Amino acid sequence: MLSTLAADRARIADLDTQIQDLQRSLSVLQRERSLVQGRLDAYNYPVLTLPNEIICEIFTRFLPIYPKCPPLIGPLSPIFLTHICRGWRKIALSFAALWRATDISWNHSAPDVVSAVLSRSGLCPLSIRMDAPELNPDLDHYGPELLAAAIPHYTRWEYLTLHLTEHFTDANYPRIDGPMPLLQHLDLWLNGGSSYPVVSLRSGAPLLRTVILNDYAAAKVILPWVQLTSLTLTIIYLHECVPILQQTSNLIHCVLELCDSDDVVSDGAVTLPSLETLAIKELDPTTMEPINYLRTFIVPALGDLEVPERFLGLDPIDSLASLISKSGCKLHQVGITDSTLGLEAPFRAAFPSMQMLFIRPIVDDAESVASD
C-alpha cells in the first residue's frame, strides 16, 4: 500500500512537469499567434482603401446602364451589393443613384421591398419596369400591390414600362393621379382592354418624348401627342393609328406594327412634317392581298423607310414614287421586307440613287423542300 502511494506521488510530480512544459509551449504559441494576427490586422486590403467615389463607380458599372432596370432582388440586383461586407453595405445604402432603376416584376418581390428600394433612391429620377408575362402567374395576384408601392414616387418617374394583364381591373388597378413632370419615356401594354380606367397625361408630362403603346393602351391613354418625337404603336390597325398620328406633328421616328387588315384610309390623311424614319411592319398576316398603306402619309422630311412589299399595293414602284412626289422627301434608304425575287431589279433601276434593302421572308426547311 505504501509503495502504491509513493508511485502515485511520483506520477503526480511527473504530470505537473509535463503540464508546465505544455503551458510554456502554449504560451509561446499564443504570443506568436498574437503577433501574426497583429500583422494581419494592420494590413489594409487595397480594395478597402479605395475612396467611396470609386466604390460607387464600381457599383454603378455592376448594374445595367440606366435606364435599363436590374431585378429587384437576386445576384444581379443592388441589394446583392449590400451582402458583401459591412463597409460596402453602408456605402451602397447611402448611394442614391444605385437604387434609381428597378424591375418590380420579380417573382418573389414584396411591396415593402419595392418601397424600401425606391426610398433609398432619394431625389433621383426613376426608371421603373413591370412586366406581367404569362410565365409569371404570381403577378396576377401580387402585381397591383407591387405597382401600388411604386406609385407614391410617380413624380420622379423618368422611364416607365408597364405591361399589365387583364387581372388589373378597374377595381384593383392602382390609380395614378397627378402630373409626372420628369417622365420622358412611356412603354404601356394593356391586355383585356375595357376594364382599365382612362389615364390622362395631357398636361402632366411636359418632358414626354418617347411612347410605345399596344392597341388597348392607345385606347386608354390621353397624352400630349404633339410633344412626341418617337412613337411605336403595335398590334393595331392602321385606321386606329390615324387619329393619333394626326396629332403627332413633331414626330421624328415612328414604328407601326400593324395587324392584318384591308382597311382603307384616304389619301394624305396623315401629315408628319418632321418625320425622318418610318417603319411599317406586318404582324401575322392572314391574307396576302396587296394594299397601299403609303398613300396615307405625307412626310416631307422622311429619309429612311421600312415597309412590307404587300403594303406597297399592286404597283410597288408607283406607290413609292407617289410618296416621294407628293411629300417632296429625299429618301436615302428604303427597306422592303417580305420581298419577292422579281422586285429587286426594277426597284434599283427606278431609284438608282437610293440605298435599297430587300429582306426575304424566312422559309423553314419543310416549306423549302415543298417549293423545290
Foldseek 3Di string as FASTA:
>chain_A
DVVVVVVVVVVVVVVVVVVVVVVVVVVVVVVVVVVVVVVVVPDDDPVNPDDLVVLVVVLQVLAPPPPPADELDDDSALVVQLPPDVVSVVSSLQALVSLQYYELQDLPHDLVSLLSSNVSNPLAQHAYEYADDPVRCSCLPCVLSNVLSCLVVQLRHAHYHDADEPSCFLVSHRDNDAANARHAEYEYHYPPADRDAAAEHLPRHQNHAYYEYEPSNLVRYHYVQCRYQEYEYAAAAPVSCLVSQQRPQNHAYYEYAHEADQDDDAFQSHERARHAEYEYHYDPYPDQAAAAPLRNYQYQAYAEYEEEQSNCHPDNLVSVVVNCVRNVHDYAEYEYEQDDPPPPVVNCVSCVRHHYHYHHDDDDPVRVVVVD
